[in-house]
C-alpha atoms as a PDB file:
ATOM      1  CA  MET A   1      10.932 -12.390  16.500  1.00  0.00           C
ATOM      2  CA  LYS A   2       7.572 -11.850  14.683  1.00  0.00           C
ATOM      3  CA  THR A   3       6.852 -13.878  11.433  1.00  0.00           C
ATOM      4  CA  ILE A   4       4.060 -12.936   9.062  1.00  0.00           C
ATOM      5  CA  HIS A   5       2.834 -14.762   5.768  1.00  0.00           C
ATOM      6  CA  ALA A   6       2.647 -12.129   3.600  1.00  0.00           C
ATOM      7  CA  GLU A   7       0.117 -14.074   1.520  1.00  0.00           C
ATOM      8  CA  TRP A   8      -0.850 -10.641  -0.689  1.00  0.00           C
ATOM      9  CA  GLU A   9       2.638 -10.860  -2.325  1.00  0.00           C
ATOM     10  CA  LEU A  10       1.980 -13.838  -4.051  1.00  0.00           C
ATOM     11  CA  LYS A  11      -0.222 -11.879  -6.037  1.00  0.00           C
ATOM     12  CA  ASN A  12       1.490  -8.633  -6.267  1.00  0.00           C
ATOM     13  CA  ILE A  13       5.597 -10.312  -7.056  1.00  0.00           C
ATOM     14  CA  GLY A  14       4.671 -13.423  -8.176  1.00  0.00           C
ATOM     15  CA  VAL A  15       6.559 -15.227  -4.915  1.00  0.00           C
ATOM     16  CA  ASP A  16       5.166 -17.063  -1.405  1.00  0.00           C
ATOM     17  CA  THR A  17       6.748 -14.142   0.735  1.00  0.00           C
ATOM     18  CA  TYR A  18       7.248 -14.090   4.492  1.00  0.00           C
ATOM     19  CA  GLU A  19       8.154 -10.799   6.252  1.00  0.00           C
ATOM     20  CA  ILE A  20      10.282 -11.363  10.001  1.00  0.00           C
ATOM     21  CA  SER A  21      11.061  -8.788  12.242  1.00  0.00           C
ATOM     22  CA  LEU A  22      13.843  -9.020  15.218  1.00  0.00           C
ATOM     23  CA  ASP A  23      14.844  -8.316  18.075  1.00  0.00           C
ATOM     24  CA  PRO A  24      17.819  -7.184  19.657  1.00  0.00           C
ATOM     25  CA  ASN A  25      17.553 -10.624  21.669  1.00  0.00           C
ATOM     26  CA  ASP A  26      17.656 -12.465  18.485  1.00  0.00           C
ATOM     27  CA  THR A  27      20.205 -14.340  17.140  1.00  0.00           C
ATOM     28  CA  PRO A  28      21.532 -15.326  13.246  1.00  0.00           C
ATOM     29  CA  GLN A  29      21.068 -18.686  14.744  1.00  0.00           C
ATOM     30  CA  MET A  30      17.244 -18.508  15.434  1.00  0.00           C
ATOM     31  CA  LEU A  31      16.799 -16.828  12.322  1.00  0.00           C
ATOM     32  CA  ALA A  32      18.322 -19.595  10.297  1.00  0.00           C
ATOM     33  CA  GLU A  33      16.065 -22.695  12.302  1.00  0.00           C
ATOM     34  CA  GLU A  34      12.962 -20.092  11.428  1.00  0.00           C
ATOM     35  CA  GLU A  35      13.977 -19.636   7.855  1.00  0.00           C
ATOM     36  CA  THR A  36      14.229 -23.654   7.889  1.00  0.00           C
ATOM     37  CA  ARG A  37      10.872 -23.960   8.877  1.00  0.00           C
ATOM     38  CA  LEU A  38       9.546 -21.435   6.722  1.00  0.00           C
ATOM     39  CA  ALA A  39      11.561 -23.123   3.298  1.00  0.00           C
ATOM     40  CA  ALA A  40       9.780 -26.734   4.616  1.00  0.00           C
ATOM     41  CA  ASP A  41       6.287 -24.254   4.144  1.00  0.00           C
ATOM     42  CA  GLY A  42       7.364 -23.253   0.760  1.00  0.00           C
ATOM     43  CA  ALA A  43       9.044 -19.620   1.669  1.00  0.00           C
ATOM     44  CA  GLN A  44      10.354 -18.234  -1.553  1.00  0.00           C
ATOM     45  CA  TYR A  45      11.651 -14.812  -0.010  1.00  0.00           C
ATOM     46  CA  ILE A  46      12.076 -13.628   3.049  1.00  0.00           C
ATOM     47  CA  VAL A  47      11.731 -10.011   4.165  1.00  0.00           C
ATOM     48  CA  VAL A  48      13.950  -9.362   7.830  1.00  0.00           C
ATOM     49  CA  LYS A  49      13.470  -6.207   9.434  1.00  0.00           C
ATOM     50  CA  THR A  50      16.159  -5.546  12.366  1.00  0.00           C
ATOM     51  CA  PRO A  51      17.073  -2.634  15.065  1.00  0.00           C
ATOM     52  CA  VAL A  52      20.307  -0.641  14.311  1.00  0.00           C
ATOM     53  CA  ASN A  53      23.162  -1.055  15.941  1.00  0.00           C
ATOM     54  CA  CYS A  54      22.387  -5.046  16.982  1.00  0.00           C
ATOM     55  CA  GLN A  55      26.231  -6.034  16.236  1.00  0.00           C
ATOM     56  CA  GLN A  56      25.061  -9.807  16.062  1.00  0.00           C
ATOM     57  CA  LEU A  57      22.462  -9.405  13.572  1.00  0.00           C
ATOM     58  CA  LEU A  58      24.112  -6.736  11.592  1.00  0.00           C
ATOM     59  CA  PHE A  59      26.994  -8.972  10.937  1.00  0.00           C
ATOM     60  CA  GLY A  60      25.438 -12.175  11.186  1.00  0.00           C
ATOM     61  CA  LEU A  61      22.552 -11.659   8.389  1.00  0.00           C
ATOM     62  CA  ALA A  62      25.450 -11.607   5.804  1.00  0.00           C
ATOM     63  CA  ASP A  63      26.940 -14.610   6.870  1.00  0.00           C
ATOM     64  CA  CYS A  64      23.310 -16.352   6.626  1.00  0.00           C
ATOM     65  CA  GLY A  65      23.059 -15.160   2.960  1.00  0.00           C
ATOM     66  CA  TYR A  66      20.817 -12.382   3.538  1.00  0.00           C
ATOM     67  CA  THR A  67      21.506  -8.900   1.639  1.00  0.00           C
ATOM     68  CA  PHE A  68      21.066  -5.609   3.613  1.00  0.00           C
ATOM     69  CA  VAL A  69      18.169  -3.490   0.809  1.00  0.00           C
ATOM     70  CA  GLU A  70      17.334  -0.258   2.692  1.00  0.00           C
ATOM     71  CA  THR A  71      17.258   1.371   6.070  1.00  0.00           C
ATOM     72  CA  VAL A  72      13.580   2.017   6.876  1.00  0.00           C
ATOM     73  CA  PHE A  73      12.948   5.922   9.120  1.00  0.00           C
ATOM     74  CA  HIS A  74       9.430   6.465  11.055  1.00  0.00           C
ATOM     75  CA  VAL A  75       8.765   9.686  11.596  1.00  0.00           C
ATOM     76  CA  ALA A  76       6.010  12.212  12.723  1.00  0.00           C
ATOM     77  CA  ILE A  77       5.107  15.698  12.169  1.00  0.00           C
ATOM     78  CA  ARG A  78       2.817  17.105  14.777  1.00  0.00           C
ATOM     79  CA  ARG A  79       0.409  20.078  13.752  1.00  0.00           C
ATOM     80  CA  GLU A  80       1.652  22.603  15.698  1.00  0.00           C
ATOM     81  CA  GLU A  81       5.325  21.844  14.304  1.00  0.00           C
ATOM     82  CA  TYR A  82       4.770  21.773  11.279  1.00  0.00           C
ATOM     83  CA  HIS A  83       6.711  24.268   8.735  1.00  0.00           C
ATOM     84  CA  MET A  84       7.383  23.883   5.226  1.00  0.00           C
ATOM     85  CA  PRO A  85      10.466  25.908   4.465  1.00  0.00           C
ATOM     86  CA  PRO A  86      10.324  29.563   2.469  1.00  0.00           C
ATOM     87  CA  THR A  87      12.567  28.057   0.045  1.00  0.00           C
ATOM     88  CA  ILE A  88      10.429  25.382  -1.089  1.00  0.00           C
ATOM     89  CA  ALA A  89       7.027  27.007  -0.058  1.00  0.00           C
ATOM     90  CA  ARG A  90       7.768  30.107  -2.669  1.00  0.00           C
ATOM     91  CA  PHE A  91       7.569  27.781  -5.700  1.00  0.00           C
ATOM     92  CA  ASP A  92       4.215  26.563  -4.775  1.00  0.00           C
ATOM     93  CA  ARG A  93       2.521  28.461  -7.409  1.00  0.00           C
ATOM     94  CA  GLY A  94      -0.046  27.199 -10.181  1.00  0.00           C
ATOM     95  CA  LEU A  95      -0.405  23.804  -8.622  1.00  0.00           C
ATOM     96  CA  SER A  96      -3.909  22.068  -7.157  1.00  0.00           C
ATOM     97  CA  VAL A  97      -4.849  18.790  -5.245  1.00  0.00           C
ATOM     98  CA  GLU A  98      -8.181  17.362  -6.355  1.00  0.00           C
ATOM     99  CA  LEU A  99      -9.796  14.203  -4.416  1.00  0.00           C
ATOM    100  CA  ARG A 100     -10.052  11.419  -7.425  1.00  0.00           C
ATOM    101  CA  THR A 101     -13.211   9.333  -6.204  1.00  0.00           C
ATOM    102  CA  GLU A 102     -14.504   8.439  -9.583  1.00  0.00           C
ATOM    103  CA  GLU A 103     -13.510   4.640 -10.621  1.00  0.00           C
ATOM    104  CA  ALA A 104     -12.245   5.845 -13.846  1.00  0.00           C
ATOM    105  CA  ASP A 105      -9.767   8.328 -12.601  1.00  0.00           C
ATOM    106  CA  ARG A 106      -8.293   5.945  -9.657  1.00  0.00           C
ATOM    107  CA  GLU A 107      -7.897   2.878 -12.655  1.00  0.00           C
ATOM    108  CA  ARG A 108      -6.247   5.840 -14.847  1.00  0.00           C
ATOM    109  CA  VAL A 109      -3.545   6.332 -11.690  1.00  0.00           C
ATOM    110  CA  PHE A 110      -3.151   2.211 -11.317  1.00  0.00           C
ATOM    111  CA  ALA A 111      -2.070   2.144 -15.067  1.00  0.00           C
ATOM    112  CA  ILE A 112       0.317   5.344 -14.427  1.00  0.00           C
ATOM    113  CA  ILE A 113       1.811   3.361 -11.656  1.00  0.00           C
ATOM    114  CA  ARG A 114       2.354  -0.151 -13.217  1.00  0.00           C
ATOM    115  CA  SER A 115       3.521   1.673 -16.229  1.00  0.00           C
ATOM    116  CA  GLY A 116       6.787   2.407 -14.092  1.00  0.00           C
ATOM    117  CA  VAL A 117       6.583   5.424 -11.613  1.00  0.00           C
ATOM    118  CA  PHE A 118       8.980   3.728  -8.664  1.00  0.00           C
ATOM    119  CA  LEU A 119      12.191   2.940  -9.467  1.00  0.00           C
ATOM    120  CA  SER A 120      14.438   2.795  -6.325  1.00  0.00           C
ATOM    121  CA  ASP A 121      12.068   0.442  -3.886  1.00  0.00           C
ATOM    122  CA  ARG A 122      13.449  -3.137  -2.355  1.00  0.00           C
ATOM    123  CA  VAL A 123      11.373  -5.028  -5.489  1.00  0.00           C
ATOM    124  CA  SER A 124      12.219  -2.688  -8.545  1.00  0.00           C
ATOM    125  CA  ILE A 125      15.854  -2.590  -7.873  1.00  0.00           C
ATOM    126  CA  ASP A 126      15.961  -6.472  -7.079  1.00  0.00           C
ATOM    127  CA  PRO A 127      17.631  -8.515 -10.240  1.00  0.00           C
ATOM    128  CA  ALA A 128      15.486 -10.838  -9.568  1.00  0.00           C
ATOM    129  CA  PHE A 129      12.120  -8.852 -10.131  1.00  0.00           C
ATOM    130  CA  SER A 130      11.873  -5.776 -12.278  1.00  0.00           C
ATOM    131  CA  VAL A 131      10.336  -2.346 -12.353  1.00  0.00           C
ATOM    132  CA  GLN A 132       7.038  -3.417 -13.442  1.00  0.00           C
ATOM    133  CA  LEU A 133       6.484  -6.210 -10.716  1.00  0.00           C
ATOM    134  CA  GLY A 134       7.279  -3.546  -8.174  1.00  0.00           C
ATOM    135  CA  GLY A 135       4.568  -0.946 -10.182  1.00  0.00           C
ATOM    136  CA  ASN A 136       1.962  -3.880 -10.080  1.00  0.00           C
ATOM    137  CA  ARG A 137       2.850  -4.085  -6.544  1.00  0.00           C
ATOM    138  CA  TYR A 138       2.263  -0.251  -5.485  1.00  0.00           C
ATOM    139  CA  ALA A 139      -0.817  -0.454  -7.525  1.00  0.00           C
ATOM    140  CA  ASN A 140      -2.307  -3.461  -5.804  1.00  0.00           C
ATOM    141  CA  TRP A 141      -1.007  -1.937  -2.551  1.00  0.00           C
ATOM    142  CA  LEU A 142      -3.137   1.410  -3.534  1.00  0.00           C
ATOM    143  CA  SER A 143      -6.033  -0.402  -4.154  1.00  0.00           C
ATOM    144  CA  THR A 144      -6.867  -1.978  -1.072  1.00  0.00           C
ATOM    145  CA  MET A 145      -5.810   1.257   0.689  1.00  0.00           C
ATOM    146  CA  LEU A 146      -8.812   2.750  -1.020  1.00  0.00           C
ATOM    147  CA  GLN A 147     -10.872  -0.138  -0.469  1.00  0.00           C
ATOM    148  CA  ASN A 148      -9.907   0.238   3.091  1.00  0.00           C
ATOM    149  CA  GLY A 149     -11.317   4.000   3.109  1.00  0.00           C
ATOM    150  CA  GLY A 150      -7.839   5.707   1.813  1.00  0.00           C
ATOM    151  CA  PHE A 151      -8.001   9.008   0.259  1.00  0.00           C
ATOM    152  CA  LEU A 152      -6.209   8.939  -3.557  1.00  0.00           C
ATOM    153  CA  TYR A 153      -5.452  12.574  -4.174  1.00  0.00           C
ATOM    154  CA  GLU A 154      -3.871  14.350  -7.390  1.00  0.00           C
ATOM    155  CA  VAL A 155      -1.369  17.161  -7.870  1.00  0.00           C
ATOM    156  CA  LEU A 156      -1.861  19.188 -11.155  1.00  0.00           C
ATOM    157  CA  GLN A 157       0.110  21.618 -13.369  1.00  0.00           C
ATOM    158  CA  GLY A 158      -2.507  23.824 -14.752  1.00  0.00           C
ATOM    159  CA  GLU A 159      -4.704  20.759 -16.090  1.00  0.00           C
ATOM    160  CA  LYS A 160      -1.942  18.616 -15.541  1.00  0.00           C
ATOM    161  CA  PRO A 161      -1.718  15.561 -13.024  1.00  0.00           C
ATOM    162  CA  ILE A 162       2.122  15.421 -12.427  1.00  0.00           C
ATOM    163  CA  GLY A 163       1.643  13.055  -9.251  1.00  0.00           C
ATOM    164  CA  PHE A 164      -0.446  11.599  -6.712  1.00  0.00           C
ATOM    165  CA  PHE A 165      -0.626  10.542  -3.362  1.00  0.00           C
ATOM    166  CA  VAL A 166      -2.993   8.787  -0.737  1.00  0.00           C
ATOM    167  CA  ILE A 167      -3.845   9.830   2.816  1.00  0.00           C
ATOM    168  CA  CYS A 168      -4.593   7.034   5.557  1.00  0.00           C
ATOM    169  CA  ARG A 169      -6.340   7.407   8.871  1.00  0.00           C
ATOM    170  CA  LYS A 170      -4.005   5.647  11.622  1.00  0.00           C
ATOM    171  CA  ASP A 171      -6.620   6.425  14.509  1.00  0.00           C
ATOM    172  CA  GLU A 172      -8.617   9.295  15.842  1.00  0.00           C
ATOM    173  CA  THR A 173      -5.670  11.539  15.690  1.00  0.00           C
ATOM    174  CA  THR A 174      -3.284  10.802  13.259  1.00  0.00           C
ATOM    175  CA  VAL A 175      -2.957  10.497   9.177  1.00  0.00           C
ATOM    176  CA  ASP A 176      -0.397   8.652   7.138  1.00  0.00           C
ATOM    177  CA  PRO A 177       0.981  10.018   3.490  1.00  0.00           C
ATOM    178  CA  VAL A 178       1.229   6.305   3.067  1.00  0.00           C
ATOM    179  CA  LEU A 179       2.290   6.278  -0.635  1.00  0.00           C
ATOM    180  CA  MET A 180       2.861   9.355  -3.362  1.00  0.00           C
ATOM    181  CA  GLY A 181       4.843   9.563  -6.402  1.00  0.00           C
ATOM    182  CA  LEU A 182       5.970  11.639  -9.475  1.00  0.00           C
ATOM    183  CA  TYR A 183       4.662  10.622 -12.908  1.00  0.00           C
ATOM    184  CA  ASP A 184       7.420  11.916 -14.552  1.00  0.00           C
ATOM    185  CA  GLU A 185      10.566  12.475 -12.296  1.00  0.00           C
ATOM    186  CA  GLN A 186      13.202  13.020 -15.520  1.00  0.00           C
ATOM    187  CA  ASN A 187      10.873  15.877 -16.878  1.00  0.00           C
ATOM    188  CA  ASP A 188       9.579  17.025 -13.798  1.00  0.00           C
ATOM    189  CA  ARG A 189      12.867  17.345 -11.661  1.00  0.00           C
ATOM    190  CA  GLY A 190      12.450  20.006  -8.845  1.00  0.00           C
ATOM    191  CA  MET A 191       8.522  19.210  -8.490  1.00  0.00           C
ATOM    192  CA  GLY A 192       9.523  16.591  -6.015  1.00  0.00           C
ATOM    193  CA  ALA A 193       9.556  18.608  -2.790  1.00  0.00           C
ATOM    194  CA  LEU A 194       6.226  20.476  -3.694  1.00  0.00           C
ATOM    195  CA  LEU A 195       4.660  17.127  -3.991  1.00  0.00           C
ATOM    196  CA  HIS A 196       5.481  16.705  -0.665  1.00  0.00           C
ATOM    197  CA  LYS A 197       4.548  19.698   0.254  1.00  0.00           C
ATOM    198  CA  LYS A 198       1.264  19.861  -1.286  1.00  0.00           C
ATOM    199  CA  THR A 199       0.648  16.256   0.627  1.00  0.00           C
ATOM    200  CA  LEU A 200       1.490  17.480   4.073  1.00  0.00           C
ATOM    201  CA  ASP A 201      -0.650  20.269   3.735  1.00  0.00           C
ATOM    202  CA  THR A 202      -3.336  17.866   2.098  1.00  0.00           C
ATOM    203  CA  CYS A 203      -2.878  15.908   5.685  1.00  0.00           C
ATOM    204  CA  PHE A 204      -3.284  18.629   8.014  1.00  0.00           C
ATOM    205  CA  THR A 205      -6.793  19.480   6.470  1.00  0.00           C
ATOM    206  CA  HIS A 206      -7.731  15.967   7.581  1.00  0.00           C
ATOM    207  CA  GLU A 207      -8.963  16.172  11.314  1.00  0.00           C
ATOM    208  CA  CYS A 208      -5.445  14.734  13.249  1.00  0.00           C
ATOM    209  CA  LYS A 209      -2.913  16.151  15.598  1.00  0.00           C
ATOM    210  CA  ARG A 210      -0.107  14.776  13.937  1.00  0.00           C
ATOM    211  CA  LEU A 211       0.605  12.447  10.641  1.00  0.00           C
ATOM    212  CA  THR A 212       3.147   9.796  10.742  1.00  0.00           C
ATOM    213  CA  SER A 213       4.709   8.026   7.848  1.00  0.00           C
ATOM    214  CA  THR A 214       7.717   5.603   6.979  1.00  0.00           C
ATOM    215  CA  ILE A 215      10.794   6.635   4.183  1.00  0.00           C
ATOM    216  CA  VAL A 216      13.624   4.253   3.406  1.00  0.00           C
ATOM    217  CA  SER A 217      16.684   5.417   2.613  1.00  0.00           C
ATOM    218  CA  ASN A 218      16.485   4.943  -1.342  1.00  0.00           C
ATOM    219  CA  ASN A 219      14.178   8.125  -0.888  1.00  0.00           C
ATOM    220  CA  ALA A 220      17.034   9.865   0.906  1.00  0.00           C
ATOM    221  CA  LYS A 221      15.315  13.317  -0.136  1.00  0.00           C
ATOM    222  CA  VAL A 222      12.248  13.024   1.551  1.00  0.00           C
ATOM    223  CA  LEU A 223      13.673  12.521   4.282  1.00  0.00           C
ATOM    224  CA  ARG A 224      15.129  15.545   4.268  1.00  0.00           C
ATOM    225  CA  VAL A 225      11.873  17.498   3.413  1.00  0.00           C
ATOM    226  CA  TYR A 226      10.329  16.024   6.212  1.00  0.00           C
ATOM    227  CA  VAL A 227      12.644  16.897   8.555  1.00  0.00           C
ATOM    228  CA  ASN A 228      13.046  20.120   6.909  1.00  0.00           C
ATOM    229  CA  ALA A 229       9.578  20.531   7.675  1.00  0.00           C
ATOM    230  CA  GLY A 230       9.003  19.603  11.474  1.00  0.00           C
ATOM    231  CA  ALA A 231       9.218  15.607  11.430  1.00  0.00           C
ATOM    232  CA  THR A 232      10.940  14.111  14.333  1.00  0.00           C
ATOM    233  CA  ILE A 233      12.426  10.389  13.318  1.00  0.00           C
ATOM    234  CA  THR A 234      10.862   7.938  16.047  1.00  0.00           C
ATOM    235  CA  ASP A 235      12.233   4.452  14.616  1.00  0.00           C
ATOM    236  CA  THR A 236      15.265   3.153  12.098  1.00  0.00           C
ATOM    237  CA  LEU A 237      15.184  -0.236  11.463  1.00  0.00           C
ATOM    238  CA  TYR A 238      17.560  -2.096   8.622  1.00  0.00           C
ATOM    239  CA  THR A 239      15.309  -4.347   5.822  1.00  0.00           C
ATOM    240  CA  TYR A 240      17.066  -7.413   4.836  1.00  0.00           C
ATOM    241  CA  VAL A 241      15.962 -10.021   1.698  1.00  0.00           C
ATOM    242  CA  LYS A 242      16.838 -13.483   0.504  1.00  0.00           C
ATOM    243  CA  HIS A 243      15.833 -15.661  -1.962  1.00  0.00           C
ATOM    244  CA  LEU A 244      15.164 -19.226  -0.910  1.00  0.00           C
ATOM    245  CA  ASN A 245      15.081 -20.458  -4.595  1.00  0.00           C
ATOM    246  CA  ALA A 246      17.983 -18.536  -5.616  1.00  0.00           C
END
């Protein structure tokens, strides 16, 4: 068991948050004891990640009051194995990618994200939170990534920005397209796969041998694009949450 005090989430979503990673040898009783300790320290919201197919955790966490919210897939694509299917690539016409380094451009993207780009993440779908809090969380996260050297890009259709993505370097040989989103998914249907194509294409313009990323089951369409483009799933985790003041 590994516990992290996610202090940054107090600014993002307004609650004192802890993140716990369990391993196959942990038990619901051990988690309950850790929860009691954290509650005494003021914890309000606990996020738990577990390995898959651990019977005692899969069934035991529900008995402890935890709600399953998503499956997390860790994926990787090696440069030599990257291939975007022709069914997607042939529609890549009239789209361009721009690196955004000016503060005004970045603030504009932050404002769009805060307005409600992300609707299906575990914060936005939680009745205790809201889409607005989810947007605030993503905008703050993006700001932190850029401060730490991440690269912000926008995808344009003609002169119109339709989405963004950010690429961070993990190590000398690996980059990670950590976050991406369409600005108007309702009216730009069909552009999602092209946004991912532009993201992955741009990753391999960086000096790297591979990319790694994290995809959640709430965005299953993204996982399908990545697998079709040569990704392998390297790890899978379950995510549960609990509000201690509920």
